[in-house]
């Protein structure tokens, strides 16, 4: 019979989930994965602290997907304890990198997609993206009403927030931050769901980012494919008081990488209905634009 630890780690790798720490093996033995279908007011989240201000959990989705494990991977970040950065290939050598490659080269503890990107020269973000003096995409999208803002000029502000442009006008924030990344909303500033009715039946692996009412940052990843409407329903059932939520990426490009020096988590997507309808992807794809996060220096 295989060693119990090796069985657990094999199962984790099969689900595109890599945690290289004996503590996490013990965690999976004693902490059952929670189903978010439970009543949100009574749901206890089995958070694991990776380090101060950075927590992690895995939940069963309320509905089974057509492939893979039907799990939601959630990372919770206290933004007051971390630096947030926009890293783009147009600013850094016109070179695309994997999530782990971005993290290693730029000394980031967490890397996630910055948003969907175009296939024109430079592979710019589909929405407006500016990092200090560098313009990755100078054009505002009239369709995307989520704006991720970084590097506030007022040092008392949180280093990362998501602004709903239908609730807070662009003119009122554009001079207050050094960096901006525009994306497509899933949930608005009042906690209401977006319709996502252009492709209501499209399902995919996906990764998204959200703020709660206290300013905490949540990153949610699902390898198993769901429609956007279904994922929004899941998110609104969580006991986090999520508000502004932005869809970052889907399919095999969807990437989440965490490396604290002690623990490593690697998550990559695969499935997109019709265009990439398989669960075969076994590695990070190279992506041009990412959000990188690391602990603030004391």
Protein backbone atom coordinates (compact mmCIF):
# COMPACT_ATOMS: atom_id res chain seq x y z
CA UNK A 1 0.00 0.00 0.00
CA UNK A 2 1.21 3.50 -0.80
CA UNK A 3 2.33 5.78 1.98
CA UNK A 4 -0.70 7.87 3.08
CA UNK A 5 1.15 11.13 2.47
CA UNK A 6 1.99 10.10 -1.10
CA UNK A 7 -1.63 9.16 -1.78
CA UNK A 8 -2.82 12.56 -0.60
CA UNK A 9 -0.15 14.42 -2.59
CA UNK A 10 -0.95 12.38 -5.73
CA UNK A 11 -4.61 13.28 -5.40
CA UNK A 12 -3.72 16.93 -4.92
CA UNK A 13 -1.55 16.99 -8.04
CA UNK A 14 -4.26 15.27 -10.10
CA UNK A 15 -6.54 18.19 -9.27
CA UNK A 16 -3.90 20.72 -10.39
CA UNK A 17 -3.34 21.58 -6.76
CA UNK A 18 0.16 21.50 -5.36
CA UNK A 19 0.91 22.25 -1.71
CA UNK A 20 4.45 21.43 -0.69
CA UNK A 21 4.22 21.41 3.10
CA UNK A 22 3.72 18.59 5.63
CA UNK A 23 1.40 20.91 7.57
CA UNK A 24 -1.04 20.94 4.68
CA UNK A 25 -1.11 17.15 4.53
CA UNK A 26 -2.15 17.14 8.17
CA UNK A 27 -4.69 19.86 7.47
CA UNK A 28 -6.42 17.76 4.82
CA UNK A 29 -6.62 14.83 7.21
CA UNK A 30 -8.27 16.75 10.05
CA UNK A 31 -10.22 19.51 8.25
CA UNK A 32 -12.93 18.28 5.89
CA UNK A 33 -13.53 20.42 2.83
CA UNK A 34 -16.65 22.49 3.38
CA UNK A 35 -19.62 22.63 1.03
CA UNK A 36 -20.71 26.21 0.36
CA UNK A 37 -24.29 25.05 -0.07
CA UNK A 38 -24.63 25.22 3.71
CA UNK A 39 -26.45 28.19 5.21
CA UNK A 40 -24.10 31.14 4.74
CA UNK A 41 -24.73 32.47 8.25
CA UNK A 42 -23.68 29.19 9.87
CA UNK A 43 -20.87 28.27 7.47
CA UNK A 44 -17.46 28.07 9.14
CA UNK A 45 -14.57 28.51 6.73
CA UNK A 46 -11.55 26.26 7.52
CA UNK A 47 -8.94 28.94 6.86
CA UNK A 48 -5.29 27.96 6.87
CA UNK A 49 -2.87 30.80 7.59
CA UNK A 50 0.00 30.78 5.12
CA UNK A 51 1.47 33.83 6.81
CA UNK A 52 0.21 36.89 8.66
CA UNK A 53 -2.54 38.42 6.50
CA UNK A 54 -2.65 35.61 3.94
CA UNK A 55 -5.16 32.77 4.34
CA UNK A 56 -6.25 29.88 2.17
CA UNK A 57 -9.06 27.32 1.97
CA UNK A 58 -10.69 24.84 -0.41
CA UNK A 59 -14.48 24.44 -0.50
CA UNK A 60 -16.79 22.05 -2.30
CA UNK A 61 -18.87 23.94 -4.84
CA UNK A 62 -22.64 23.66 -4.28
CA UNK A 63 -23.06 21.98 -7.67
CA UNK A 64 -21.02 19.29 -9.36
CA UNK A 65 -19.21 20.32 -12.52
CA UNK A 66 -18.97 18.19 -15.64
CA UNK A 67 -15.22 17.59 -15.08
CA UNK A 68 -12.55 17.60 -12.37
CA UNK A 69 -13.05 18.10 -8.64
CA UNK A 70 -15.80 20.76 -8.32
CA UNK A 71 -13.73 22.67 -5.75
CA UNK A 72 -13.38 26.41 -5.10
CA UNK A 73 -9.91 27.54 -4.10
CA UNK A 74 -10.05 30.78 -2.11
CA UNK A 75 -7.22 33.04 -0.98
CA UNK A 76 -7.98 35.87 1.46
CA UNK A 77 -5.56 38.79 1.71
CA UNK A 78 -5.36 41.62 4.21
CA UNK A 79 -4.22 44.36 1.81
CA UNK A 80 -2.76 46.51 4.59
CA UNK A 81 0.03 43.93 5.01
CA UNK A 82 1.05 43.45 1.37
CA UNK A 83 2.36 45.32 -1.66
CA UNK A 84 0.33 45.01 -4.86
CA UNK A 85 1.97 45.43 -8.26
CA UNK A 86 1.00 45.37 -11.93
CA UNK A 87 3.52 43.49 -14.06
CA UNK A 88 3.11 43.52 -17.84
CA UNK A 89 5.14 42.23 -20.75
CA UNK A 90 4.88 45.62 -22.47
CA UNK A 91 6.75 47.21 -19.56
CA UNK A 92 9.17 44.40 -18.79
CA UNK A 93 11.06 43.26 -21.86
CA UNK A 94 8.10 42.43 -24.13
CA UNK A 95 8.31 38.93 -22.71
CA UNK A 96 5.42 36.73 -21.56
CA UNK A 97 5.97 34.52 -18.55
CA UNK A 98 4.12 31.88 -16.57
CA UNK A 99 2.63 32.88 -13.22
CA UNK A 100 5.47 31.10 -11.44
CA UNK A 101 7.96 32.76 -13.80
CA UNK A 102 6.62 36.23 -12.99
CA UNK A 103 6.80 35.44 -9.28
CA UNK A 104 10.37 34.16 -9.39
CA UNK A 105 11.73 36.97 -11.55
CA UNK A 106 10.10 39.82 -9.62
CA UNK A 107 10.14 38.41 -6.11
CA UNK A 108 6.37 38.03 -5.69
CA UNK A 109 4.70 35.70 -3.21
CA UNK A 110 1.42 35.55 -5.13
CA UNK A 111 0.71 36.01 -8.83
CA UNK A 112 -2.66 35.99 -10.59
CA UNK A 113 -3.90 37.12 -13.99
CA UNK A 114 -4.49 40.88 -14.26
CA UNK A 115 -7.34 40.32 -16.71
CA UNK A 116 -8.23 39.12 -20.17
CA UNK A 117 -5.89 40.31 -22.89
CA UNK A 118 -5.92 40.94 -26.62
CA UNK A 119 -3.81 39.20 -29.23
CA UNK A 120 -2.53 42.33 -30.94
CA UNK A 121 1.07 43.48 -30.57
CA UNK A 122 2.12 43.39 -26.95
CA UNK A 123 -0.99 41.44 -25.87
CA UNK A 124 -2.43 44.38 -23.90
CA UNK A 125 -5.17 44.16 -21.32
CA UNK A 126 -8.62 44.36 -22.92
CA UNK A 127 -9.48 47.28 -20.64
CA UNK A 128 -7.49 50.32 -19.59
CA UNK A 129 -4.21 49.47 -17.91
CA UNK A 130 -1.68 51.99 -16.62
CA UNK A 131 1.21 51.41 -14.23
CA UNK A 132 2.74 54.71 -13.09
CA UNK A 133 3.98 56.26 -16.38
CA UNK A 134 3.63 53.09 -18.43
CA UNK A 135 0.50 52.65 -20.55
CA UNK A 136 -0.26 49.06 -21.46
CA UNK A 137 -3.68 49.99 -22.91
CA UNK A 138 -4.65 53.69 -23.01
CA UNK A 139 -8.26 53.06 -24.05
CA UNK A 140 -11.11 52.87 -21.57
CA UNK A 141 -13.60 50.10 -22.30
CA UNK A 142 -17.23 51.16 -22.21
CA UNK A 143 -18.19 47.58 -21.37
CA UNK A 144 -15.91 47.01 -18.36
CA UNK A 145 -17.05 48.79 -15.21
CA UNK A 146 -14.64 47.30 -12.70
CA UNK A 147 -11.43 49.23 -12.01
CA UNK A 148 -8.67 47.77 -9.90
CA UNK A 149 -6.63 50.60 -8.38
CA UNK A 150 -3.12 50.30 -6.94
CA UNK A 151 -0.42 52.56 -5.51
CA UNK A 152 -2.60 55.28 -3.98
CA UNK A 153 -1.09 58.75 -3.77
CA UNK A 154 -2.62 59.04 -0.29
CA UNK A 155 -0.58 56.67 1.89
CA UNK A 156 -3.49 56.16 4.28
CA UNK A 157 -5.47 54.37 1.55
CA UNK A 158 -5.35 50.62 1.02
CA UNK A 159 -2.78 49.57 -1.61
CA UNK A 160 -5.39 47.70 -3.65
CA UNK A 161 -9.11 48.26 -4.15
CA UNK A 162 -11.72 47.46 -6.75
CA UNK A 163 -13.86 50.41 -7.79
CA UNK A 164 -17.26 50.02 -9.44
CA UNK A 165 -17.29 52.79 -12.05
CA UNK A 166 -21.09 52.90 -12.02
CA UNK A 167 -20.97 53.83 -8.32
CA UNK A 168 -17.81 55.94 -8.25
CA UNK A 169 -17.04 58.03 -11.32
CA UNK A 170 -13.74 57.72 -13.17
CA UNK A 171 -13.04 61.46 -12.87
CA UNK A 172 -13.11 61.19 -9.09
CA UNK A 173 -10.38 58.51 -8.90
CA UNK A 174 -8.10 58.93 -11.93
CA UNK A 175 -5.75 61.38 -10.17
CA UNK A 176 -5.72 59.51 -6.85
CA UNK A 177 -3.74 56.41 -7.85
CA UNK A 178 -0.64 55.63 -9.86
CA UNK A 179 -1.86 52.33 -11.32
CA UNK A 180 -5.14 51.09 -12.82
CA UNK A 181 -6.42 47.90 -14.41
CA UNK A 182 -9.92 47.77 -15.89
CA UNK A 183 -11.93 44.55 -15.90
CA UNK A 184 -15.37 43.02 -16.26
CA UNK A 185 -17.60 43.01 -13.18
CA UNK A 186 -19.33 39.92 -11.83
CA UNK A 187 -20.80 41.61 -8.73
CA UNK A 188 -21.40 45.35 -8.31
CA UNK A 189 -20.74 47.73 -5.41
CA UNK A 190 -24.09 46.87 -3.80
CA UNK A 191 -23.59 43.11 -4.00
CA UNK A 192 -25.88 42.68 -7.01
CA UNK A 193 -25.08 40.10 -9.72
CA UNK A 194 -24.17 41.05 -13.26
CA UNK A 195 -26.31 39.48 -15.99
CA UNK A 196 -23.59 37.84 -18.11
CA UNK A 197 -26.25 37.21 -20.73
CA UNK A 198 -24.10 37.48 -23.88
CA UNK A 199 -22.84 33.91 -23.48
CA UNK A 200 -25.02 32.51 -20.71
CA UNK A 201 -24.22 28.87 -21.46
CA UNK A 202 -20.46 29.23 -21.77
CA UNK A 203 -18.63 27.40 -18.99
CA UNK A 204 -14.95 27.50 -18.17
CA UNK A 205 -12.26 27.20 -15.56
CA UNK A 206 -11.90 30.67 -14.07
CA UNK A 207 -10.18 32.97 -11.63
CA UNK A 208 -11.61 36.19 -10.20
CA UNK A 209 -10.84 38.85 -7.61
CA UNK A 210 -13.14 40.57 -5.14
CA UNK A 211 -13.35 43.02 -2.24
CA UNK A 212 -15.56 42.53 0.78
CA UNK A 213 -17.20 45.36 2.72
CA UNK A 214 -14.12 45.63 4.98
CA UNK A 215 -11.64 45.97 2.11
CA UNK A 216 -10.20 42.45 2.28
CA UNK A 217 -9.15 40.96 -1.05
CA UNK A 218 -10.40 37.53 -2.13
CA UNK A 219 -9.09 35.51 -5.06
CA UNK A 220 -11.31 32.61 -6.12
CA UNK A 221 -10.15 29.89 -8.53
CA UNK A 222 -12.06 26.97 -10.00
CA UNK A 223 -10.42 24.38 -12.24
CA UNK A 224 -13.81 22.79 -12.81
CA UNK A 225 -15.85 24.72 -15.38
CA UNK A 226 -18.98 26.67 -14.45
CA UNK A 227 -20.96 29.34 -16.23
CA UNK A 228 -20.37 32.90 -15.05
CA UNK A 229 -23.93 33.10 -13.75
CA UNK A 230 -23.43 29.92 -11.72
CA UNK A 231 -20.16 31.18 -10.26
CA UNK A 232 -21.79 34.48 -9.28
CA UNK A 233 -24.47 32.50 -7.46
CA UNK A 234 -21.77 30.58 -5.59
CA UNK A 235 -19.96 33.80 -4.63
CA UNK A 236 -23.08 35.44 -3.30
CA UNK A 237 -23.72 32.38 -1.14
CA UNK A 238 -20.39 32.72 0.67
CA UNK A 239 -20.31 34.40 4.11
CA UNK A 240 -17.85 37.09 3.00
CA UNK A 241 -20.09 40.08 2.13
CA UNK A 242 -18.44 40.29 -1.29
CA UNK A 243 -19.01 43.44 -3.28
CA UNK A 244 -16.98 44.64 -6.27
CA UNK A 245 -15.87 41.48 -8.08
CA UNK A 246 -13.90 41.29 -11.34
CA UNK A 247 -13.56 38.31 -13.67
CA UNK A 248 -9.85 37.93 -14.42
CA UNK A 249 -9.45 35.01 -16.83
CA UNK A 250 -10.81 31.64 -17.90
CA UNK A 251 -9.65 28.43 -19.50
CA UNK A 252 -6.01 27.26 -19.51
CA UNK A 253 -4.70 30.82 -19.08
CA UNK A 254 -6.39 31.12 -15.66
CA UNK A 255 -3.49 31.06 -13.18
CA UNK A 256 -2.96 31.35 -9.45
CA UNK A 257 0.46 30.85 -7.92
CA UNK A 258 1.49 31.28 -4.28
CA UNK A 259 4.97 30.75 -2.85
CA UNK A 260 5.59 32.01 0.67
CA UNK A 261 8.96 30.28 0.93
CA UNK A 262 7.36 27.67 3.17
CA UNK A 263 4.29 26.66 1.14
CA UNK A 264 3.66 26.57 -2.59
CA UNK A 265 0.25 26.50 -4.27
CA UNK A 266 -0.07 26.11 -8.05
CA UNK A 267 -3.46 26.33 -9.76
CA UNK A 268 -4.06 26.43 -13.50
CA UNK A 269 -7.25 26.10 -15.51
CA UNK A 270 -8.12 24.11 -18.60
CA UNK A 271 -11.71 23.87 -19.80
CA UNK A 272 -13.61 26.31 -22.04
CA UNK A 273 -16.83 25.01 -23.59
CA UNK A 274 -16.71 24.72 -27.39
CA UNK A 275 -13.22 26.24 -27.91
CA UNK A 276 -11.16 24.16 -25.42
CA UNK A 277 -13.55 21.58 -24.03
CA UNK A 278 -11.11 19.33 -22.19
CA UNK A 279 -9.48 18.96 -18.79
CA UNK A 280 -6.07 18.01 -20.15
CA UNK A 281 -3.96 21.04 -19.31
CA UNK A 282 -1.16 20.11 -16.90
CA UNK A 283 0.93 23.29 -16.65
CA UNK A 284 0.89 27.07 -16.36
CA UNK A 285 0.50 28.89 -19.66
CA UNK A 286 2.53 32.01 -20.37
CA UNK A 287 0.50 35.17 -19.76
CA UNK A 288 1.36 38.81 -20.50
CA UNK A 289 -0.20 40.76 -17.62
CA UNK A 290 -0.39 39.85 -13.93
CA UNK A 291 -1.02 41.19 -10.45
CA UNK A 292 1.91 40.42 -8.17
CA UNK A 293 1.68 40.53 -4.37
CA UNK A 294 4.38 40.39 -1.71
CA UNK A 295 4.70 41.13 1.98
CA UNK A 296 5.35 44.75 2.90
CA UNK A 297 8.84 45.46 4.11
CA UNK A 298 9.00 46.42 7.77
